[in-house]
Amino acid sequence: LKIINGVRKIAIMDFGDCSSSGRSTIHRRIQKAIATSDLLVEFKDGDSRMSIYGVVNEDASKVSDFVLYDADGGSLICLFGSIPVDAVVKLAEQ
């Protein structure tokens, strides 16, 4: 619940069924949008890879605009707001 309390908006996009050119265009746009974000963690399962991005504040206590991106699977989840870093760490440990 600590993670959810700081979230103001959630956006989800599934582009797994897009054509190859469509996926490529979406991937380029996502890469441009997250270019100023920090890569927080990356999980690999076989050929699939989930990357988690966010903007960490100066004292490293909060992450803003948390992004989960699976380029291979064609999914993007964005959590807009501030999430405490300690809650993210606990979630990653599970």
Protein backbone atom coordinates (compact mmCIF):
# COMPACT_ATOMS: atom_id res chain seq x y z
CA LEU A 1 0.00 0.00 0.00
CA LYS A 2 2.91 2.34 0.63
CA ILE A 3 3.71 2.26 -3.08
CA ILE A 4 0.12 2.91 -4.19
CA ASN A 5 -0.39 5.92 -1.89
CA GLY A 6 2.04 8.09 -3.87
CA VAL A 7 0.67 7.15 -7.29
CA ARG A 8 -1.55 9.77 -8.93
CA LYS A 9 -2.06 8.14 -12.32
CA ILE A 10 -1.36 4.81 -14.06
CA ALA A 11 -0.96 4.27 -17.80
CA ILE A 12 -0.68 0.83 -19.41
CA MET A 13 0.12 0.05 -23.03
CA ASP A 14 0.29 -3.38 -24.68
CA PHE A 15 1.79 -3.30 -28.14
CA GLY A 16 2.75 -6.95 -28.40
CA ASP A 17 0.45 -7.54 -31.38
CA CYS A 18 1.80 -4.62 -33.43
CA SER A 19 3.65 -5.11 -36.68
CA SER A 20 7.44 -5.11 -36.61
CA SER A 21 7.60 -1.53 -37.93
CA GLY A 22 4.95 -0.40 -35.43
CA ARG A 23 6.86 -1.96 -32.53
CA SER A 24 10.06 -0.31 -33.74
CA THR A 25 8.39 3.12 -33.87
CA ILE A 26 6.88 2.68 -30.40
CA HIS A 27 10.24 1.46 -29.01
CA ARG A 28 12.05 4.55 -30.37
CA ARG A 29 9.46 6.86 -28.84
CA ILE A 30 9.63 5.12 -25.47
CA GLN A 31 13.44 5.24 -25.49
CA LYS A 32 13.29 8.98 -26.19
CA ALA A 33 10.76 9.52 -23.38
CA ILE A 34 12.79 7.62 -20.76
CA ALA A 35 16.18 9.00 -21.83
CA THR A 36 16.36 11.30 -18.79
CA SER A 37 15.25 8.57 -16.36
CA ASP A 38 17.52 6.29 -14.36
CA LEU A 39 17.56 2.56 -15.04
CA LEU A 40 16.77 1.22 -11.56
CA VAL A 41 16.75 -2.52 -12.15
CA GLU A 42 16.51 -5.00 -14.98
CA PHE A 43 15.13 -8.54 -14.75
CA LYS A 44 15.85 -11.24 -17.33
CA ASP A 45 13.91 -14.45 -17.86
CA GLY A 46 15.24 -16.35 -20.85
CA ASP A 47 14.98 -14.02 -23.82
CA SER A 48 12.55 -11.69 -22.05
CA ARG A 49 13.78 -8.60 -20.21
CA MET A 50 11.85 -6.21 -17.94
CA SER A 51 13.49 -2.83 -17.34
CA ILE A 52 12.39 -0.53 -14.54
CA TYR A 53 13.11 3.19 -14.81
CA GLY A 54 12.42 6.20 -12.63
CA VAL A 55 13.69 9.60 -11.58
CA VAL A 56 15.36 9.48 -8.17
CA ASN A 57 15.26 12.68 -6.10
CA GLU A 58 18.41 14.34 -4.71
CA ASP A 59 18.47 12.55 -1.34
CA ALA A 60 17.54 9.19 -2.97
CA SER A 61 14.42 8.80 -0.83
CA LYS A 62 11.79 8.84 -3.61
CA VAL A 63 11.37 7.72 -7.19
CA SER A 64 9.13 9.77 -9.45
CA ASP A 65 7.42 8.52 -12.59
CA PHE A 66 8.14 4.82 -12.23
CA VAL A 67 8.25 3.00 -15.61
CA LEU A 68 8.17 -0.77 -16.20
CA TYR A 69 9.11 -1.57 -19.78
CA ASP A 70 9.19 -4.96 -21.52
CA ALA A 71 10.46 -4.18 -25.02
CA ASP A 72 10.48 -7.84 -26.10
CA GLY A 73 6.97 -8.57 -24.86
CA GLY A 74 5.59 -5.22 -25.99
CA SER A 75 4.30 -3.80 -22.74
CA LEU A 76 4.71 -0.54 -20.87
CA ILE A 77 3.39 0.41 -17.42
CA CYS A 78 3.83 3.95 -16.09
CA LEU A 79 3.11 4.98 -12.51
CA PHE A 80 3.01 8.77 -12.20
CA GLY A 81 3.69 10.23 -8.77
CA SER A 82 6.28 9.64 -6.06
CA ILE A 83 7.14 6.25 -4.63
CA PRO A 84 9.39 5.78 -1.57
CA VAL A 85 12.68 4.08 -2.52
CA ASP A 86 12.55 1.79 0.53
CA ALA A 87 9.19 0.42 -0.64
CA VAL A 88 10.63 -0.25 -4.11
CA VAL A 89 13.62 -2.06 -2.58
CA LYS A 90 11.33 -4.26 -0.45
CA LEU A 91 9.22 -5.08 -3.48
CA ALA A 92 12.31 -6.00 -5.56
CA GLU A 93 13.56 -8.29 -2.77
CA GLN A 94 10.35 -10.34 -2.98
